[in-house]
Amino acid sequence: MQPPLTAEIKPLSVNEAYYGKKVKTKKYRDYEEELFSTLPDLIIPEGKLTLELLTSYSNTRADIDNALKPFIDILQKRYSFNDNKIFRLFTEKQVVKRGEENLKFRITPFNGYSLW
């Protein structure tokens, strides 16, 4: 197994990557509204969290992280938690037929075990 590699530079946040205030598109607002109405009620555990996310795209060229930021932001709003409590994120991409796209997720307590 290859040992982990290190980039000796401070990570850049999305907030630092763009000028000015980001304005939500109508498509984003519609997506947020639909998620709010379809996501089940859920009690989020206290403390540090692990988020597991399976994103099913029909486009084989879609980047694995395309859906992450909007989805996580909506999760935190829907379930009233701060996403800075997510200490571990497992994500997987799969390719499905057009019309079968979806997101599957699980939020559990972070077990404290470090991959590093």
PDB file of N, CA and C in Angstrom:
ATOM      1  N   MET A   1       0.845  -1.177   0.000  1.00  0.00           N
ATOM      2  CA  MET A   1       0.000   0.000   0.000  1.00  0.00           C
ATOM      3  C   MET A   1       0.895   1.247   0.000  1.00  0.00           C
ATOM      4  N   GLN A   2       0.532   2.199  -0.818  1.00  0.00           N
ATOM      5  CA  GLN A   2       1.299   3.452  -0.905  1.00  0.00           C
ATOM      6  C   GLN A   2       1.092   4.280   0.362  1.00  0.00           C
ATOM      7  N   PRO A   3       2.160   4.828   0.928  1.00  0.00           N
ATOM      8  CA  PRO A   3       1.994   5.693   2.103  1.00  0.00           C
ATOM      9  C   PRO A   3       1.314   6.998   1.695  1.00  0.00           C
ATOM     10  N   PRO A   4       0.625   7.669   2.641  1.00  0.00           N
ATOM     11  CA  PRO A   4      -0.028   8.929   2.300  1.00  0.00           C
ATOM     12  C   PRO A   4       0.974   9.992   1.877  1.00  0.00           C
ATOM     13  N   LEU A   5       0.551  10.840   0.964  1.00  0.00           N
ATOM     14  CA  LEU A   5       1.367  11.953   0.493  1.00  0.00           C
ATOM     15  C   LEU A   5       0.873  13.221   1.153  1.00  0.00           C
ATOM     16  N   THR A   6       1.748  14.195   1.314  1.00  0.00           N
ATOM     17  CA  THR A   6       1.397  15.441   1.973  1.00  0.00           C
ATOM     18  C   THR A   6       1.650  16.618   1.053  1.00  0.00           C
ATOM     19  N   ALA A   7       0.643  17.491   0.931  1.00  0.00           N
ATOM     20  CA  ALA A   7       0.812  18.774   0.250  1.00  0.00           C
ATOM     21  C   ALA A   7       1.020  19.805   1.350  1.00  0.00           C
ATOM     22  N   GLU A   8       2.205  20.341   1.447  1.00  0.00           N
ATOM     23  CA  GLU A   8       2.561  21.264   2.531  1.00  0.00           C
ATOM     24  C   GLU A   8       2.034  22.669   2.248  1.00  0.00           C
ATOM     25  N   ILE A   9       0.717  22.799   2.248  1.00  0.00           N
ATOM     26  CA  ILE A   9       0.085  24.083   1.987  1.00  0.00           C
ATOM     27  C   ILE A   9      -1.279  24.082   2.688  1.00  0.00           C
ATOM     28  N   LYS A  10      -1.682  25.247   3.188  1.00  0.00           N
ATOM     29  CA  LYS A  10      -2.967  25.351   3.861  1.00  0.00           C
ATOM     30  C   LYS A  10      -4.086  25.131   2.838  1.00  0.00           C
ATOM     31  N   PRO A  11      -5.079  24.274   3.164  1.00  0.00           N
ATOM     32  CA  PRO A  11      -6.191  24.052   2.237  1.00  0.00           C
ATOM     33  C   PRO A  11      -6.977  25.342   1.991  1.00  0.00           C
ATOM     34  N   LEU A  12      -7.447  25.513   0.765  1.00  0.00           N
ATOM     35  CA  LEU A  12      -8.236  26.682   0.393  1.00  0.00           C
ATOM     36  C   LEU A  12      -9.711  26.343   0.534  1.00  0.00           C
ATOM     37  N   SER A  13     -10.450  27.201   1.240  1.00  0.00           N
ATOM     38  CA  SER A  13     -11.879  26.960   1.406  1.00  0.00           C
ATOM     39  C   SER A  13     -12.645  27.458   0.182  1.00  0.00           C
ATOM     40  N   VAL A  14     -13.851  26.955   0.011  1.00  0.00           N
ATOM     41  CA  VAL A  14     -14.702  27.421  -1.079  1.00  0.00           C
ATOM     42  C   VAL A  14     -14.968  28.914  -0.920  1.00  0.00           C
ATOM     43  N   ASN A  15     -15.157  29.383   0.307  1.00  0.00           N
ATOM     44  CA  ASN A  15     -15.408  30.806   0.557  1.00  0.00           C
ATOM     45  C   ASN A  15     -14.245  31.678   0.097  1.00  0.00           C
ATOM     46  N   GLU A  16     -13.035  31.150   0.167  1.00  0.00           N
ATOM     47  CA  GLU A  16     -11.859  31.909  -0.255  1.00  0.00           C
ATOM     48  C   GLU A  16     -11.596  31.791  -1.760  1.00  0.00           C
ATOM     49  N   ALA A  17     -12.281  30.890  -2.421  1.00  0.00           N
ATOM     50  CA  ALA A  17     -12.003  30.607  -3.825  1.00  0.00           C
ATOM     51  C   ALA A  17     -12.732  31.529  -4.804  1.00  0.00           C
ATOM     52  N   TYR A  18     -13.716  32.264  -4.325  1.00  0.00           N
ATOM     53  CA  TYR A  18     -14.530  33.083  -5.216  1.00  0.00           C
ATOM     54  C   TYR A  18     -14.667  34.501  -4.673  1.00  0.00           C
ATOM     55  N   TYR A  19     -14.898  35.457  -5.558  1.00  0.00           N
ATOM     56  CA  TYR A  19     -15.158  36.837  -5.179  1.00  0.00           C
ATOM     57  C   TYR A  19     -16.623  37.017  -4.818  1.00  0.00           C
ATOM     58  N   GLY A  20     -16.866  37.852  -3.848  1.00  0.00           N
ATOM     59  CA  GLY A  20     -18.231  38.270  -3.549  1.00  0.00           C
ATOM     60  C   GLY A  20     -19.121  37.179  -3.012  1.00  0.00           C
ATOM     61  N   LYS A  21     -20.370  37.560  -2.821  1.00  0.00           N
ATOM     62  CA  LYS A  21     -21.365  36.649  -2.282  1.00  0.00           C
ATOM     63  C   LYS A  21     -21.882  35.726  -3.383  1.00  0.00           C
ATOM     64  N   LYS A  22     -21.956  34.454  -3.062  1.00  0.00           N
ATOM     65  CA  LYS A  22     -22.506  33.498  -4.016  1.00  0.00           C
ATOM     66  C   LYS A  22     -24.028  33.571  -3.938  1.00  0.00           C
ATOM     67  N   VAL A  23     -24.685  33.682  -5.067  1.00  0.00           N
ATOM     68  CA  VAL A  23     -26.132  33.770  -5.131  1.00  0.00           C
ATOM     69  C   VAL A  23     -26.671  32.439  -5.653  1.00  0.00           C
ATOM     70  N   LYS A  24     -27.645  31.873  -4.942  1.00  0.00           N
ATOM     71  CA  LYS A  24     -28.223  30.594  -5.351  1.00  0.00           C
ATOM     72  C   LYS A  24     -29.028  30.766  -6.638  1.00  0.00           C
ATOM     73  N   THR A  25     -28.853  29.824  -7.545  1.00  0.00           N
ATOM     74  CA  THR A  25     -29.630  29.828  -8.777  1.00  0.00           C
ATOM     75  C   THR A  25     -31.047  29.322  -8.482  1.00  0.00           C
ATOM     76  N   LYS A  26     -31.948  29.528  -9.421  1.00  0.00           N
ATOM     77  CA  LYS A  26     -33.307  29.008  -9.274  1.00  0.00           C
ATOM     78  C   LYS A  26     -33.274  27.476  -9.194  1.00  0.00           C
ATOM     79  N   LYS A  27     -32.404  26.876  -9.990  1.00  0.00           N
ATOM     80  CA  LYS A  27     -32.284  25.412  -9.972  1.00  0.00           C
ATOM     81  C   LYS A  27     -31.853  24.926  -8.583  1.00  0.00           C
ATOM     82  N   TYR A  28     -30.906  25.635  -7.955  1.00  0.00           N
ATOM     83  CA  TYR A  28     -30.460  25.278  -6.600  1.00  0.00           C
ATOM     84  C   TYR A  28     -31.612  25.448  -5.612  1.00  0.00           C
ATOM     85  N   ARG A  29     -32.341  26.568  -5.693  1.00  0.00           N
ATOM     86  CA  ARG A  29     -33.451  26.811  -4.766  1.00  0.00           C
ATOM     87  C   ARG A  29     -34.537  25.738  -4.929  1.00  0.00           C
ATOM     88  N   ASP A  30     -34.821  25.344  -6.166  1.00  0.00           N
ATOM     89  CA  ASP A  30     -35.800  24.275  -6.416  1.00  0.00           C
ATOM     90  C   ASP A  30     -35.312  22.943  -5.856  1.00  0.00           C
ATOM     91  N   TYR A  31     -34.024  22.660  -6.046  1.00  0.00           N
ATOM     92  CA  TYR A  31     -33.400  21.425  -5.527  1.00  0.00           C
ATOM     93  C   TYR A  31     -33.497  21.398  -4.003  1.00  0.00           C
ATOM     94  N   GLU A  32     -33.166  22.514  -3.374  1.00  0.00           N
ATOM     95  CA  GLU A  32     -33.231  22.617  -1.918  1.00  0.00           C
ATOM     96  C   GLU A  32     -34.661  22.375  -1.422  1.00  0.00           C
ATOM     97  N   GLU A  33     -35.626  22.980  -2.078  1.00  0.00           N
ATOM     98  CA  GLU A  33     -37.033  22.818  -1.698  1.00  0.00           C
ATOM     99  C   GLU A  33     -37.479  21.365  -1.843  1.00  0.00           C
ATOM    100  N   GLU A  34     -37.078  20.727  -2.960  1.00  0.00           N
ATOM    101  CA  GLU A  34     -37.454  19.332  -3.171  1.00  0.00           C
ATOM    102  C   GLU A  34     -36.806  18.415  -2.127  1.00  0.00           C
ATOM    103  N   LEU A  35     -35.526  18.649  -1.825  1.00  0.00           N
ATOM    104  CA  LEU A  35     -34.869  17.836  -0.797  1.00  0.00           C
ATOM    105  C   LEU A  35     -35.545  18.011   0.553  1.00  0.00           C
ATOM    106  N   PHE A  36     -35.844  19.247   0.928  1.00  0.00           N
ATOM    107  CA  PHE A  36     -36.509  19.509   2.196  1.00  0.00           C
ATOM    108  C   PHE A  36     -37.802  18.714   2.319  1.00  0.00           C
ATOM    109  N   SER A  37     -38.547  18.633   1.214  1.00  0.00           N
ATOM    110  CA  SER A  37     -39.844  17.973   1.274  1.00  0.00           C
ATOM    111  C   SER A  37     -39.740  16.451   1.186  1.00  0.00           C
ATOM    112  N   THR A  38     -38.629  15.920   0.695  1.00  0.00           N
ATOM    113  CA  THR A  38     -38.524  14.471   0.523  1.00  0.00           C
ATOM    114  C   THR A  38     -37.619  13.781   1.547  1.00  0.00           C
ATOM    115  N   LEU A  39     -36.707  14.516   2.173  1.00  0.00           N
ATOM    116  CA  LEU A  39     -35.830  13.884   3.160  1.00  0.00           C
ATOM    117  C   LEU A  39     -36.638  13.515   4.404  1.00  0.00           C
ATOM    118  N   PRO A  40     -36.422  12.329   4.957  1.00  0.00           N
ATOM    119  CA  PRO A  40     -37.165  11.923   6.148  1.00  0.00           C
ATOM    120  C   PRO A  40     -36.676  12.693   7.378  1.00  0.00           C
ATOM    121  N   ASP A  41     -37.516  12.716   8.398  1.00  0.00           N
ATOM    122  CA  ASP A  41     -37.075  13.286   9.668  1.00  0.00           C
ATOM    123  C   ASP A  41     -35.939  12.429  10.207  1.00  0.00           C
ATOM    124  N   LEU A  42     -34.998  13.080  10.854  1.00  0.00           N
ATOM    125  CA  LEU A  42     -33.797  12.385  11.318  1.00  0.00           C
ATOM    126  C   LEU A  42     -33.248  13.132  12.514  1.00  0.00           C
ATOM    127  N   ILE A  43     -32.813  12.409  13.507  1.00  0.00           N
ATOM    128  CA  ILE A  43     -32.141  13.012  14.660  1.00  0.00           C
ATOM    129  C   ILE A  43     -30.641  12.827  14.454  1.00  0.00           C
ATOM    130  N   ILE A  44     -29.922  13.928  14.422  1.00  0.00           N
ATOM    131  CA  ILE A  44     -28.477  13.902  14.204  1.00  0.00           C
ATOM    132  C   ILE A  44     -27.790  13.687  15.552  1.00  0.00           C
ATOM    133  N   PRO A  45     -26.852  12.748  15.634  1.00  0.00           N
ATOM    134  CA  PRO A  45     -26.137  12.525  16.888  1.00  0.00           C
ATOM    135  C   PRO A  45     -25.364  13.778  17.320  1.00  0.00           C
ATOM    136  N   GLU A  46     -25.151  13.917  18.600  1.00  0.00           N
ATOM    137  CA  GLU A  46     -24.349  15.014  19.142  1.00  0.00           C
ATOM    138  C   GLU A  46     -22.869  14.750  18.859  1.00  0.00           C
ATOM    139  N   GLY A  47     -22.085  15.802  18.845  1.00  0.00           N
ATOM    140  CA  GLY A  47     -20.636  15.676  18.716  1.00  0.00           C
ATOM    141  C   GLY A  47     -20.164  15.506  17.285  1.00  0.00           C
ATOM    142  N   LYS A  48     -18.977  14.954  17.164  1.00  0.00           N
ATOM    143  CA  LYS A  48     -18.345  14.762  15.860  1.00  0.00           C
ATOM    144  C   LYS A  48     -19.107  13.707  15.057  1.00  0.00           C
ATOM    145  N   LEU A  49     -19.140  13.924  13.729  1.00  0.00           N
ATOM    146  CA  LEU A  49     -19.951  13.066  12.859  1.00  0.00           C
ATOM    147  C   LEU A  49     -19.143  12.461  11.718  1.00  0.00           C
ATOM    148  N   THR A  50     -19.660  11.362  11.213  1.00  0.00           N
ATOM    149  CA  THR A  50     -19.196  10.750   9.970  1.00  0.00           C
ATOM    150  C   THR A  50     -20.351  10.819   8.976  1.00  0.00           C
ATOM    151  N   LEU A  51     -20.047  11.260   7.755  1.00  0.00           N
ATOM    152  CA  LEU A  51     -21.046  11.270   6.685  1.00  0.00           C
ATOM    153  C   LEU A  51     -20.583  10.316   5.605  1.00  0.00           C
ATOM    154  N   GLU A  52     -21.435   9.347   5.275  1.00  0.00           N
ATOM    155  CA  GLU A  52     -21.188   8.434   4.169  1.00  0.00           C
ATOM    156  C   GLU A  52     -22.150   8.823   3.059  1.00  0.00           C
ATOM    157  N   LEU A  53     -21.629   8.947   1.850  1.00  0.00           N
ATOM    158  CA  LEU A  53     -22.437   9.446   0.741  1.00  0.00           C
ATOM    159  C   LEU A  53     -22.133   8.664  -0.527  1.00  0.00           C
ATOM    160  N   LEU A  54     -23.174   8.100  -1.128  1.00  0.00           N
ATOM    161  CA  LEU A  54     -23.076   7.431  -2.419  1.00  0.00           C
ATOM    162  C   LEU A  54     -23.839   8.295  -3.416  1.00  0.00           C
ATOM    163  N   THR A  55     -23.138   8.827  -4.398  1.00  0.00           N
ATOM    164  CA  THR A  55     -23.742   9.692  -5.405  1.00  0.00           C
ATOM    165  C   THR A  55     -23.841   8.914  -6.711  1.00  0.00           C
ATOM    166  N   SER A  56     -25.046   8.804  -7.218  1.00  0.00           N
ATOM    167  CA  SER A  56     -25.288   8.072  -8.461  1.00  0.00           C
ATOM    168  C   SER A  56     -25.534   9.070  -9.581  1.00  0.00           C
ATOM    169  N   TYR A  57     -24.598   9.132 -10.516  1.00  0.00           N
ATOM    170  CA  TYR A  57     -24.662  10.020 -11.674  1.00  0.00           C
ATOM    171  C   TYR A  57     -24.955   9.202 -12.921  1.00  0.00           C
ATOM    172  N   SER A  58     -25.641   9.807 -13.905  1.00  0.00           N
ATOM    173  CA  SER A  58     -25.800   9.144 -15.197  1.00  0.00           C
ATOM    174  C   SER A  58     -24.686   9.571 -16.152  1.00  0.00           C
ATOM    175  N   ASN A  59     -24.011  10.661 -15.833  1.00  0.00           N
ATOM    176  CA  ASN A  59     -22.917  11.156 -16.667  1.00  0.00           C
ATOM    177  C   ASN A  59     -21.601  10.571 -16.147  1.00  0.00           C
ATOM    178  N   THR A  60     -20.935   9.755 -16.943  1.00  0.00           N
ATOM    179  CA  THR A  60     -19.688   9.117 -16.505  1.00  0.00           C
ATOM    180  C   THR A  60     -18.576  10.135 -16.256  1.00  0.00           C
ATOM    181  N   ARG A  61     -18.704  11.339 -16.829  1.00  0.00           N
ATOM    182  CA  ARG A  61     -17.664  12.359 -16.669  1.00  0.00           C
ATOM    183  C   ARG A  61     -17.887  13.250 -15.450  1.00  0.00           C
ATOM    184  N   ALA A  62     -18.983  13.065 -14.726  1.00  0.00           N
ATOM    185  CA  ALA A  62     -19.265  13.901 -13.553  1.00  0.00           C
ATOM    186  C   ALA A  62     -18.179  13.688 -12.500  1.00  0.00           C
ATOM    187  N   ASP A  63     -17.688  14.793 -11.944  1.00  0.00           N
ATOM    188  CA  ASP A  63     -16.696  14.707 -10.873  1.00  0.00           C
ATOM    189  C   ASP A  63     -17.354  14.188  -9.601  1.00  0.00           C
ATOM    190  N   ILE A  64     -16.623  13.396  -8.840  1.00  0.00           N
ATOM    191  CA  ILE A  64     -17.161  12.787  -7.624  1.00  0.00           C
ATOM    192  C   ILE A  64     -17.637  13.839  -6.621  1.00  0.00           C
ATOM    193  N   ASP A  65     -17.011  15.009  -6.631  1.00  0.00           N
ATOM    194  CA  ASP A  65     -17.335  16.019  -5.621  1.00  0.00           C
ATOM    195  C   ASP A  65     -18.369  17.052  -6.064  1.00  0.00           C
ATOM    196  N   ASN A  66     -18.905  16.939  -7.285  1.00  0.00           N
ATOM    197  CA  ASN A  66     -19.851  17.935  -7.780  1.00  0.00           C
ATOM    198  C   ASN A  66     -21.046  18.142  -6.865  1.00  0.00           C
ATOM    199  N   ALA A  67     -21.591  17.091  -6.326  1.00  0.00           N
ATOM    200  CA  ALA A  67     -22.811  17.189  -5.526  1.00  0.00           C
ATOM    201  C   ALA A  67     -22.546  17.444  -4.048  1.00  0.00           C
ATOM    202  N   LEU A  68     -21.304  17.335  -3.597  1.00  0.00           N
ATOM    203  CA  LEU A  68     -21.033  17.338  -2.165  1.00  0.00           C
ATOM    204  C   LEU A  68     -21.421  18.631  -1.454  1.00  0.00           C
ATOM    205  N   LYS A  69     -20.884  19.753  -1.872  1.00  0.00           N
ATOM    206  CA  LYS A  69     -21.102  21.013  -1.153  1.00  0.00           C
ATOM    207  C   LYS A  69     -22.583  21.388  -1.076  1.00  0.00           C
ATOM    208  N   PRO A  70     -23.310  21.407  -2.204  1.00  0.00           N
ATOM    209  CA  PRO A  70     -24.727  21.754  -2.085  1.00  0.00           C
ATOM    210  C   PRO A  70     -25.508  20.773  -1.205  1.00  0.00           C
ATOM    211  N   PHE A  71     -25.252  19.480  -1.373  1.00  0.00           N
ATOM    212  CA  PHE A  71     -25.991  18.481  -0.602  1.00  0.00           C
ATOM    213  C   PHE A  71     -25.703  18.604   0.888  1.00  0.00           C
ATOM    214  N   ILE A  72     -24.449  18.743   1.251  1.00  0.00           N
ATOM    215  CA  ILE A  72     -24.092  18.869   2.668  1.00  0.00           C
ATOM    216  C   ILE A  72     -24.679  20.154   3.251  1.00  0.00           C
ATOM    217  N   ASP A  73     -24.628  21.252   2.511  1.00  0.00           N
ATOM    218  CA  ASP A  73     -25.222  22.503   3.001  1.00  0.00           C
ATOM    219  C   ASP A  73     -26.721  22.349   3.245  1.00  0.00           C
ATOM    220  N   ILE A  74     -27.397  21.641   2.362  1.00  0.00           N
ATOM    221  CA  ILE A  74     -28.836  21.428   2.529  1.00  0.00           C
ATOM    222  C   ILE A  74     -29.106  20.478   3.698  1.00  0.00           C
ATOM    223  N   LEU A  75     -28.286  19.443   3.848  1.00  0.00           N
ATOM    224  CA  LEU A  75     -28.440  18.541   4.999  1.00  0.00           C
ATOM    225  C   LEU A  75     -28.354  19.301   6.311  1.00  0.00           C
ATOM    226  N   GLN A  76     -27.354  20.186   6.420  1.00  0.00           N
ATOM    227  CA  GLN A  76     -27.183  20.895   7.683  1.00  0.00           C
ATOM    228  C   GLN A  76     -28.358  21.821   7.956  1.00  0.00           C
ATOM    229  N   LYS A  77     -28.905  22.409   6.904  1.00  0.00           N
ATOM    230  CA  LYS A  77     -30.062  23.284   7.064  1.00  0.00           C
ATOM    231  C   LYS A  77     -31.313  22.469   7.425  1.00  0.00           C
ATOM    232  N   ARG A  78     -31.514  21.349   6.737  1.00  0.00           N
ATOM    233  CA  ARG A  78     -32.707  20.507   6.978  1.00  0.00           C
ATOM    234  C   ARG A  78     -32.701  19.892   8.368  1.00  0.00           C
ATOM    235  N   TYR A  79     -31.512  19.468   8.828  1.00  0.00           N
ATOM    236  CA  TYR A  79     -31.424  18.747  10.097  1.00  0.00           C
ATOM    237  C   TYR A  79     -30.855  19.586  11.233  1.00  0.00           C
ATOM    238  N   SER A  80     -30.687  20.867  11.006  1.00  0.00           N
ATOM    239  CA  SER A  80     -30.272  21.818  12.052  1.00  0.00           C
ATOM    240  C   SER A  80     -28.996  21.386  12.779  1.00  0.00           C
ATOM    241  N   PHE A  81     -27.956  21.150  12.020  1.00  0.00           N
ATOM    242  CA  PHE A  81     -26.650  20.893  12.610  1.00  0.00           C
ATOM    243  C   PHE A  81     -25.617  21.675  11.808  1.00  0.00           C
ATOM    244  N   ASN A  82     -24.460  21.880  12.398  1.00  0.00           N
ATOM    245  CA  ASN A  82     -23.393  22.598  11.715  1.00  0.00           C
ATOM    246  C   ASN A  82     -22.499  21.575  11.026  1.00  0.00           C
ATOM    247  N   ASP A  83     -22.283  21.749   9.724  1.00  0.00           N
ATOM    248  CA  ASP A  83     -21.482  20.753   9.003  1.00  0.00           C
ATOM    249  C   ASP A  83     -20.013  20.759   9.406  1.00  0.00           C
ATOM    250  N   ASN A  84     -19.606  21.711  10.252  1.00  0.00           N
ATOM    251  CA  ASN A  84     -18.238  21.638  10.771  1.00  0.00           C
ATOM    252  C   ASN A  84     -18.094  20.498  11.777  1.00  0.00           C
ATOM    253  N   LYS A  85     -19.193  19.852  12.127  1.00  0.00           N
ATOM    254  CA  LYS A  85     -19.171  18.673  13.005  1.00  0.00           C
ATOM    255  C   LYS A  85     -18.830  17.399  12.228  1.00  0.00           C
ATOM    256  N   ILE A  86     -18.787  17.475  10.903  1.00  0.00           N
ATOM    257  CA  ILE A  86     -18.420  16.313  10.090  1.00  0.00           C
ATOM    258  C   ILE A  86     -16.899  16.192  10.100  1.00  0.00           C
ATOM    259  N   PHE A  87     -16.410  15.151  10.730  1.00  0.00           N
ATOM    260  CA  PHE A  87     -14.967  14.927  10.840  1.00  0.00           C
ATOM    261  C   PHE A  87     -14.483  13.835   9.899  1.00  0.00           C
ATOM    262  N   ARG A  88     -15.407  13.057   9.373  1.00  0.00           N
ATOM    263  CA  ARG A  88     -15.022  12.039   8.403  1.00  0.00           C
ATOM    264  C   ARG A  88     -16.087  12.012   7.317  1.00  0.00           C
ATOM    265  N   LEU A  89     -15.614  11.967   6.085  1.00  0.00           N
ATOM    266  CA  LEU A  89     -16.506  11.930   4.932  1.00  0.00           C
ATOM    267  C   LEU A  89     -16.058  10.797   4.029  1.00  0.00           C
ATOM    268  N   PHE A  90     -16.937   9.823   3.849  1.00  0.00           N
ATOM    269  CA  PHE A  90     -16.696   8.754   2.886  1.00  0.00           C
ATOM    270  C   PHE A  90     -17.614   9.032   1.711  1.00  0.00           C
ATOM    271  N   THR A  91     -17.064   9.050   0.525  1.00  0.00           N
ATOM    272  CA  THR A  91     -17.900   9.295  -0.644  1.00  0.00           C
ATOM    273  C   THR A  91     -17.544   8.307  -1.743  1.00  0.00           C
ATOM    274  N   GLU A  92     -18.556   7.919  -2.458  1.00  0.00           N
ATOM    275  CA  GLU A  92     -18.379   6.989  -3.565  1.00  0.00           C
ATOM    276  C   GLU A  92     -19.275   7.442  -4.712  1.00  0.00           C
ATOM    277  N   LYS A  93     -18.786   7.257  -5.919  1.00  0.00           N
ATOM    278  CA  LYS A  93     -19.539   7.603  -7.129  1.00  0.00           C
ATOM    279  C   LYS A  93     -19.897   6.316  -7.841  1.00  0.00           C
ATOM    280  N   GLN A  94     -21.115   6.270  -8.347  1.00  0.00           N
ATOM    281  CA  GLN A  94     -21.477   5.176  -9.226  1.00  0.00           C
ATOM    282  C   GLN A  94     -22.209   5.745 -10.434  1.00  0.00           C
ATOM    283  N   VAL A  95     -22.169   5.011 -11.525  1.00  0.00           N
ATOM    284  CA  VAL A  95     -22.813   5.443 -12.754  1.00  0.00           C
ATOM    285  C   VAL A  95     -24.070   4.601 -12.941  1.00  0.00           C
ATOM    286  N   VAL A  96     -25.175   5.297 -13.188  1.00  0.00           N
ATOM    287  CA  VAL A  96     -26.474   4.644 -13.364  1.00  0.00           C
ATOM    288  C   VAL A  96     -27.112   5.128 -14.667  1.00  0.00           C
ATOM    289  N   LYS A  97     -28.209   4.510 -15.045  1.00  0.00           N
ATOM    290  CA  LYS A  97     -28.935   4.944 -16.232  1.00  0.00           C
ATOM    291  C   LYS A  97     -29.574   6.307 -15.988  1.00  0.00           C
ATOM    292  N   ARG A  98     -29.712   7.092 -17.059  1.00  0.00           N
ATOM    293  CA  ARG A  98     -30.378   8.392 -16.973  1.00  0.00           C
ATOM    294  C   ARG A  98     -31.771   8.200 -16.352  1.00  0.00           C
ATOM    295  N   GLY A  99     -32.102   9.056 -15.408  1.00  0.00           N
ATOM    296  CA  GLY A  99     -33.377   8.964 -14.716  1.00  0.00           C
ATOM    297  C   GLY A  99     -33.295   8.203 -13.402  1.00  0.00           C
ATOM    298  N   GLU A 100     -32.163   7.522 -13.160  1.00  0.00           N
ATOM    299  CA  GLU A 100     -31.981   6.757 -11.925  1.00  0.00           C
ATOM    300  C   GLU A 100     -30.986   7.429 -10.975  1.00  0.00           C
ATOM    301  N   GLU A 101     -30.618   8.685 -11.253  1.00  0.00           N
ATOM    302  CA  GLU A 101     -29.656   9.407 -10.416  1.00  0.00           C
ATOM    303  C   GLU A 101     -30.239   9.592  -9.008  1.00  0.00           C
ATOM    304  N   ASN A 102     -29.371   9.507  -8.011  1.00  0.00           N
ATOM    305  CA  ASN A 102     -29.813   9.715  -6.630  1.00  0.00           C
ATOM    306  C   ASN A 102     -28.620   9.904  -5.709  1.00  0.00           C
ATOM    307  N   LEU A 103     -28.937  10.204  -4.469  1.00  0.00           N
ATOM    308  CA  LEU A 103     -27.929  10.314  -3.413  1.00  0.00           C
ATOM    309  C   LEU A 103     -28.384   9.442  -2.253  1.00  0.00           C
ATOM    310  N   LYS A 104     -27.492   8.629  -1.754  1.00  0.00           N
ATOM    311  CA  LYS A 104     -27.763   7.842  -0.552  1.00  0.00           C
ATOM    312  C   LYS A 104     -26.772   8.326   0.502  1.00  0.00           C
ATOM    313  N   PHE A 105     -27.247   8.467   1.735  1.00  0.00           N
ATOM    314  CA  PHE A 105     -26.344   8.967   2.768  1.00  0.00           C
ATOM    315  C   PHE A 105     -26.664   8.345   4.120  1.00  0.00           C
ATOM    316  N   ARG A 106     -25.685   8.433   4.985  1.00  0.00           N
ATOM    317  CA  ARG A 106     -25.826   7.987   6.376  1.00  0.00           C
ATOM    318  C   ARG A 106     -24.982   8.923   7.224  1.00  0.00           C
ATOM    319  N   ILE A 107     -25.546   9.383   8.334  1.00  0.00           N
ATOM    320  CA  ILE A 107     -24.823  10.228   9.284  1.00  0.00           C
ATOM    321  C   ILE A 107     -24.751   9.466  10.593  1.00  0.00           C
ATOM    322  N   THR A 108     -23.534   9.227  11.050  1.00  0.00           N
ATOM    323  CA  THR A 108     -23.319   8.466  12.288  1.00  0.00           C
ATOM    324  C   THR A 108     -22.294   9.190  13.154  1.00  0.00           C
ATOM    325  N   PRO A 109     -22.223   8.822  14.432  1.00  0.00           N
ATOM    326  CA  PRO A 109     -21.176   9.413  15.270  1.00  0.00           C
ATOM    327  C   PRO A 109     -19.796   9.047  14.737  1.00  0.00           C
ATOM    328  N   PHE A 110     -18.884   9.982  14.813  1.00  0.00           N
ATOM    329  CA  PHE A 110     -17.491   9.737  14.449  1.00  0.00           C
ATOM    330  C   PHE A 110     -16.874   8.881  15.541  1.00  0.00           C
ATOM    331  N   ASN A 111     -16.237   7.779  15.173  1.00  0.00           N
ATOM    332  CA  ASN A 111     -15.719   6.848  16.171  1.00  0.00           C
ATOM    333  C   ASN A 111     -14.340   7.204  16.710  1.00  0.00           C
ATOM    334  N   GLY A 112     -13.753   8.282  16.210  1.00  0.00           N
ATOM    335  CA  GLY A 112     -12.467   8.711  16.717  1.00  0.00           C
ATOM    336  C   GLY A 112     -11.280   8.006  16.100  1.00  0.00           C
ATOM    337  N   TYR A 113     -11.544   6.931  15.373  1.00  0.00           N
ATOM    338  CA  TYR A 113     -10.463   6.201  14.722  1.00  0.00           C
ATOM    339  C   TYR A 113      -9.959   7.013  13.539  1.00  0.00           C
ATOM    340  N   SER A 114      -8.658   7.198  13.464  1.00  0.00           N
ATOM    341  CA  SER A 114      -8.075   7.974  12.379  1.00  0.00           C
ATOM    342  C   SER A 114      -7.507   7.065  11.309  1.00  0.00           C
ATOM    343  N   LEU A 115      -7.729   7.458  10.068  1.00  0.00           N
ATOM    344  CA  LEU A 115      -7.148   6.716   8.950  1.00  0.00           C
ATOM    345  C   LEU A 115      -5.647   6.968   8.855  1.00  0.00           C
ATOM    346  N   TRP A 116      -5.173   8.003   9.489  1.00  0.00           N
ATOM    347  CA  TRP A 116      -3.774   8.411   9.369  1.00  0.00           C
ATOM    348  C   TRP A 116      -3.027   8.071  10.620  1.00  0.00           C
TER     349      TRP A 116
END
